Amino acid sequence: MIEIKNLTKKFKTSHGILEVFNDFSLTVKDGTFLGIQGKSGAGKSTLLTLLAGLQPADSGSIKIGESEITKLSQKELAAFRNQNIGFISQEQSFLENLNVLDNVRLPAYLAKKQQRQKVSDSEITARAKQLLSDLGISHLASQYPSDLSGGENHRLLIARALINNPKVLLADEPTDSVDQERTLEILKIFRDLACQGKIVVLVSHDQQALSLCDCVVNI
């Protein structure tokens, strides 16, 4: 479960202080496919980065499962994020010097080292290839991000976010630059994850995508 309590977040701008969240609270139960919508600049992407621990809140608390991430050190937070949160950002944050398959496998190798897991390299590779197949880009496994289209790179980010089987998936406009058929396939993956008891938080302007969520929060 995600529990956000009395969250406050402000930014300094050239025009003064911009208050994005003021005493914001939200509870999301396990197995929920949650949609987030709102105007540009309303704080949708900021909410995802706060949930992922990529930036700190000014006040308030964020609890994911039994962990209050607002109290974790940066080292603890990095390990928690890699093991529990899949984050699909709008930015193409893959490593250009790694091919598609290695980009997807990388978080699994990091988790293996952090947790000293006994999972084998072959198991990691098999899962990565299955994710690429599910997303329709298995034929691009040996290619590099620079060789892919925008939509293909977006699917690469989704596969990488799912490699560690996260408890929470945060998706920022994941169907942008993707055709309708592939959009439905991606949303089906998200729905299946929610049915498995995971939390999926989807930020989107796509009303068709939002209509498939269990509930939608307007920011």
Protein backbone atom coordinates (compact mmCIF):
# COMPACT_ATOMS: atom_id res chain seq x y z
CA MET A 1 0.00 0.00 0.00
CA ILE A 2 1.07 3.60 -0.63
CA GLU A 3 0.25 6.14 2.06
CA ILE A 4 0.93 9.81 1.41
CA LYS A 5 0.25 12.08 4.39
CA ASN A 6 0.29 15.88 4.51
CA LEU A 7 2.74 16.16 1.62
CA THR A 8 4.10 19.60 0.80
CA LYS A 9 6.38 20.45 -2.12
CA LYS A 10 7.49 23.88 -3.29
CA PHE A 11 9.88 25.10 -5.95
CA LYS A 12 11.75 28.38 -6.28
CA THR A 13 11.17 29.99 -9.67
CA SER A 14 12.10 33.28 -11.27
CA HIS A 15 8.58 34.46 -10.43
CA GLY A 16 8.74 33.43 -6.77
CA ILE A 17 7.70 30.31 -4.88
CA LEU A 18 5.58 27.75 -6.73
CA GLU A 19 3.59 25.53 -4.39
CA VAL A 20 2.84 22.25 -6.14
CA PHE A 21 1.47 20.29 -3.18
CA ASN A 22 0.07 21.65 0.06
CA ASP A 23 -1.00 19.16 2.74
CA PHE A 24 -1.70 16.52 0.08
CA SER A 25 -2.75 13.06 1.26
CA LEU A 26 -3.57 9.92 -0.70
CA THR A 27 -3.87 6.20 0.02
CA VAL A 28 -3.52 3.60 -2.72
CA LYS A 29 -4.27 -0.03 -1.90
CA ASP A 30 -2.39 -3.00 -3.32
CA GLY A 31 -3.83 -4.22 -6.60
CA THR A 32 -4.92 -0.75 -7.71
CA PHE A 33 -4.47 0.62 -11.22
CA LEU A 34 -4.53 4.36 -10.47
CA GLY A 35 -4.75 7.09 -13.08
CA ILE A 36 -3.43 10.62 -12.52
CA GLN A 37 -4.60 13.46 -14.74
CA GLY A 38 -4.35 17.24 -14.68
CA LYS A 39 -3.17 20.26 -16.61
CA SER A 40 0.45 20.67 -17.61
CA GLY A 41 2.46 21.95 -14.67
CA ALA A 42 -0.07 20.75 -12.10
CA GLY A 43 2.43 18.40 -10.46
CA LYS A 44 1.66 15.00 -11.99
CA SER A 45 5.26 14.15 -12.86
CA THR A 46 6.46 15.70 -9.59
CA LEU A 47 4.21 13.31 -7.69
CA LEU A 48 5.80 10.33 -9.43
CA THR A 49 9.33 11.51 -8.69
CA LEU A 50 8.39 12.03 -5.04
CA LEU A 51 6.96 8.51 -4.88
CA ALA A 52 10.13 7.16 -6.47
CA GLY A 53 12.30 9.08 -4.03
CA LEU A 54 14.02 10.94 -6.84
CA GLN A 55 13.46 14.24 -5.06
CA PRO A 56 12.60 15.02 -1.44
CA ALA A 57 9.34 16.37 -0.09
CA ASP A 58 9.49 19.61 1.91
CA SER A 59 7.30 18.06 4.59
CA GLY A 60 4.91 15.17 5.10
CA SER A 61 5.53 11.46 4.67
CA ILE A 62 5.40 8.81 1.97
CA LYS A 63 5.12 5.20 3.02
CA ILE A 64 5.35 2.31 0.56
CA GLY A 65 4.59 -1.01 2.16
CA GLU A 66 6.36 -0.96 5.52
CA SER A 67 9.01 1.54 4.42
CA GLU A 68 8.66 5.27 5.00
CA ILE A 69 10.82 6.41 2.13
CA THR A 70 10.98 10.01 3.33
CA LYS A 71 13.15 8.77 6.22
CA LEU A 72 15.58 6.64 4.22
CA SER A 73 19.16 7.66 3.50
CA GLN A 74 20.15 8.14 -0.13
CA LYS A 75 21.90 4.76 -0.15
CA GLU A 76 18.90 3.01 1.41
CA LEU A 77 16.55 4.80 -0.93
CA ALA A 78 18.51 3.78 -4.04
CA ALA A 79 18.42 0.14 -2.98
CA PHE A 80 14.72 0.31 -2.09
CA ARG A 81 13.86 1.94 -5.40
CA ASN A 82 15.74 -0.61 -7.48
CA GLN A 83 14.15 -3.53 -5.67
CA ASN A 84 10.57 -2.26 -5.26
CA ILE A 85 9.75 0.48 -7.76
CA GLY A 86 9.60 0.41 -11.53
CA PHE A 87 9.77 3.95 -12.91
CA ILE A 88 8.94 4.83 -16.50
CA SER A 89 9.84 8.47 -17.04
CA GLN A 90 9.16 10.69 -20.02
CA GLU A 91 12.91 11.13 -20.38
CA GLN A 92 14.80 8.41 -22.23
CA SER A 93 17.11 7.52 -19.35
CA PHE A 94 18.74 4.38 -20.75
CA LEU A 95 22.47 3.93 -21.26
CA GLU A 96 23.44 4.60 -24.85
CA ASN A 97 26.55 2.40 -24.70
CA LEU A 98 24.51 -0.69 -23.75
CA ASN A 99 22.33 -2.58 -26.21
CA VAL A 100 18.62 -3.08 -25.62
CA LEU A 101 18.96 -6.41 -23.82
CA ASP A 102 21.71 -5.14 -21.51
CA ASN A 103 19.71 -2.00 -20.69
CA VAL A 104 16.82 -4.19 -19.58
CA ARG A 105 19.03 -6.60 -17.61
CA LEU A 106 21.03 -3.92 -15.77
CA PRO A 107 18.60 -3.28 -12.84
CA ALA A 108 18.38 -7.03 -12.23
CA TYR A 109 22.16 -7.31 -11.94
CA LEU A 110 22.20 -4.36 -9.52
CA ALA A 111 19.46 -5.98 -7.42
CA LYS A 112 21.32 -9.28 -7.47
CA LYS A 113 24.42 -7.58 -6.09
CA GLN A 114 22.52 -5.53 -3.49
CA GLN A 115 20.46 -8.45 -2.21
CA ARG A 116 23.08 -11.14 -2.86
CA GLN A 117 20.40 -13.11 -4.64
CA LYS A 118 21.11 -16.54 -6.08
CA VAL A 119 19.22 -15.83 -9.28
CA SER A 120 21.33 -16.90 -12.24
CA ASP A 121 22.40 -14.78 -15.19
CA SER A 122 20.45 -17.11 -17.47
CA GLU A 123 17.27 -16.50 -15.47
CA ILE A 124 17.77 -12.73 -15.72
CA THR A 125 18.36 -13.01 -19.46
CA ALA A 126 15.29 -15.20 -19.94
CA ARG A 127 13.07 -12.72 -18.09
CA ALA A 128 14.49 -9.77 -20.03
CA LYS A 129 13.89 -11.52 -23.36
CA GLN A 130 10.34 -12.40 -22.33
CA LEU A 131 9.60 -8.77 -21.47
CA LEU A 132 11.01 -7.62 -24.80
CA SER A 133 8.81 -10.19 -26.52
CA ASP A 134 5.73 -9.11 -24.59
CA LEU A 135 6.37 -5.53 -25.71
CA GLY A 136 7.01 -6.48 -29.33
CA ILE A 137 10.68 -5.51 -29.51
CA SER A 138 12.47 -8.84 -29.03
CA HIS A 139 13.97 -8.46 -32.51
CA LEU A 140 15.79 -5.34 -31.30
CA ALA A 141 17.64 -7.02 -28.40
CA SER A 142 21.08 -6.53 -29.93
CA GLN A 143 20.40 -3.00 -31.20
CA TYR A 144 21.35 0.20 -29.39
CA PRO A 145 18.95 2.91 -28.18
CA SER A 146 20.15 5.31 -30.87
CA ASP A 147 18.94 2.82 -33.51
CA LEU A 148 15.38 2.73 -32.14
CA SER A 149 12.37 4.91 -32.81
CA GLY A 150 10.80 6.97 -30.03
CA GLY A 151 8.05 4.42 -29.49
CA GLU A 152 10.53 1.53 -29.40
CA ASN A 153 12.68 3.33 -26.86
CA HIS A 154 9.59 3.91 -24.74
CA ARG A 155 8.89 0.18 -24.73
CA LEU A 156 12.52 -0.43 -23.77
CA LEU A 157 12.00 1.77 -20.69
CA ILE A 158 8.87 -0.21 -19.79
CA ALA A 159 10.71 -3.54 -20.05
CA ARG A 160 13.54 -2.22 -17.89
CA ALA A 161 11.07 -0.93 -15.28
CA LEU A 162 9.49 -4.39 -15.04
CA ILE A 163 12.65 -6.53 -14.90
CA ASN A 164 12.79 -6.67 -11.08
CA ASN A 165 9.10 -7.49 -10.75
CA PRO A 166 8.47 -4.32 -8.71
CA LYS A 167 5.73 -3.92 -6.14
CA VAL A 168 4.93 -0.46 -7.52
CA LEU A 169 5.05 0.71 -11.13
CA LEU A 170 5.12 4.46 -11.80
CA ALA A 171 4.44 5.34 -15.41
CA ASP A 172 4.69 8.89 -16.78
CA GLU A 173 2.91 9.09 -20.14
CA PRO A 174 4.01 5.54 -21.10
CA THR A 175 1.83 5.39 -24.21
CA ASP A 176 3.17 8.61 -25.70
CA SER A 177 4.53 8.04 -29.25
CA VAL A 178 2.95 4.57 -29.30
CA ASP A 179 0.21 3.50 -31.72
CA GLN A 180 -3.24 2.46 -30.49
CA GLU A 181 -2.64 -1.27 -30.84
CA ARG A 182 0.58 -1.15 -28.85
CA THR A 183 -1.06 1.20 -26.33
CA LEU A 184 -3.72 -1.41 -25.57
CA GLU A 185 -1.05 -4.09 -25.19
CA ILE A 186 0.88 -1.93 -22.73
CA LEU A 187 -2.26 -1.15 -20.74
CA LYS A 188 -3.08 -4.86 -20.62
CA ILE A 189 0.33 -5.49 -19.05
CA PHE A 190 -0.41 -2.80 -16.45
CA ARG A 191 -3.84 -4.28 -15.75
CA ASP A 192 -2.35 -7.74 -15.32
CA LEU A 193 0.20 -6.34 -12.86
CA ALA A 194 -2.59 -4.77 -10.79
CA CYS A 195 -4.47 -8.08 -10.84
CA GLN A 196 -1.33 -9.67 -9.36
CA GLY A 197 -1.63 -7.30 -6.39
CA LYS A 198 0.83 -4.65 -7.55
CA ILE A 199 0.16 -0.92 -7.59
CA VAL A 200 0.31 0.80 -10.96
CA VAL A 201 0.24 4.61 -11.05
CA LEU A 202 -0.32 5.98 -14.54
CA VAL A 203 0.09 9.65 -15.42
CA SER A 204 -1.59 10.32 -18.74
CA HIS A 205 -3.52 12.78 -20.89
CA ASP A 206 -4.95 9.84 -22.84
CA GLN A 207 -8.59 9.51 -21.83
CA GLN A 208 -8.78 6.02 -23.33
CA ALA A 209 -5.92 4.89 -21.11
CA LEU A 210 -7.38 6.57 -18.04
CA SER A 211 -10.76 4.93 -18.66
CA LEU A 212 -9.14 1.55 -18.04
CA CYS A 213 -7.90 2.53 -14.57
CA ASP A 214 -9.69 1.52 -11.38
CA CYS A 215 -9.90 5.16 -10.32
CA VAL A 216 -8.53 8.51 -11.46
CA VAL A 217 -7.17 11.36 -9.34
CA ASN A 218 -7.30 14.84 -10.82
CA ILE A 219 -4.43 17.13 -9.83
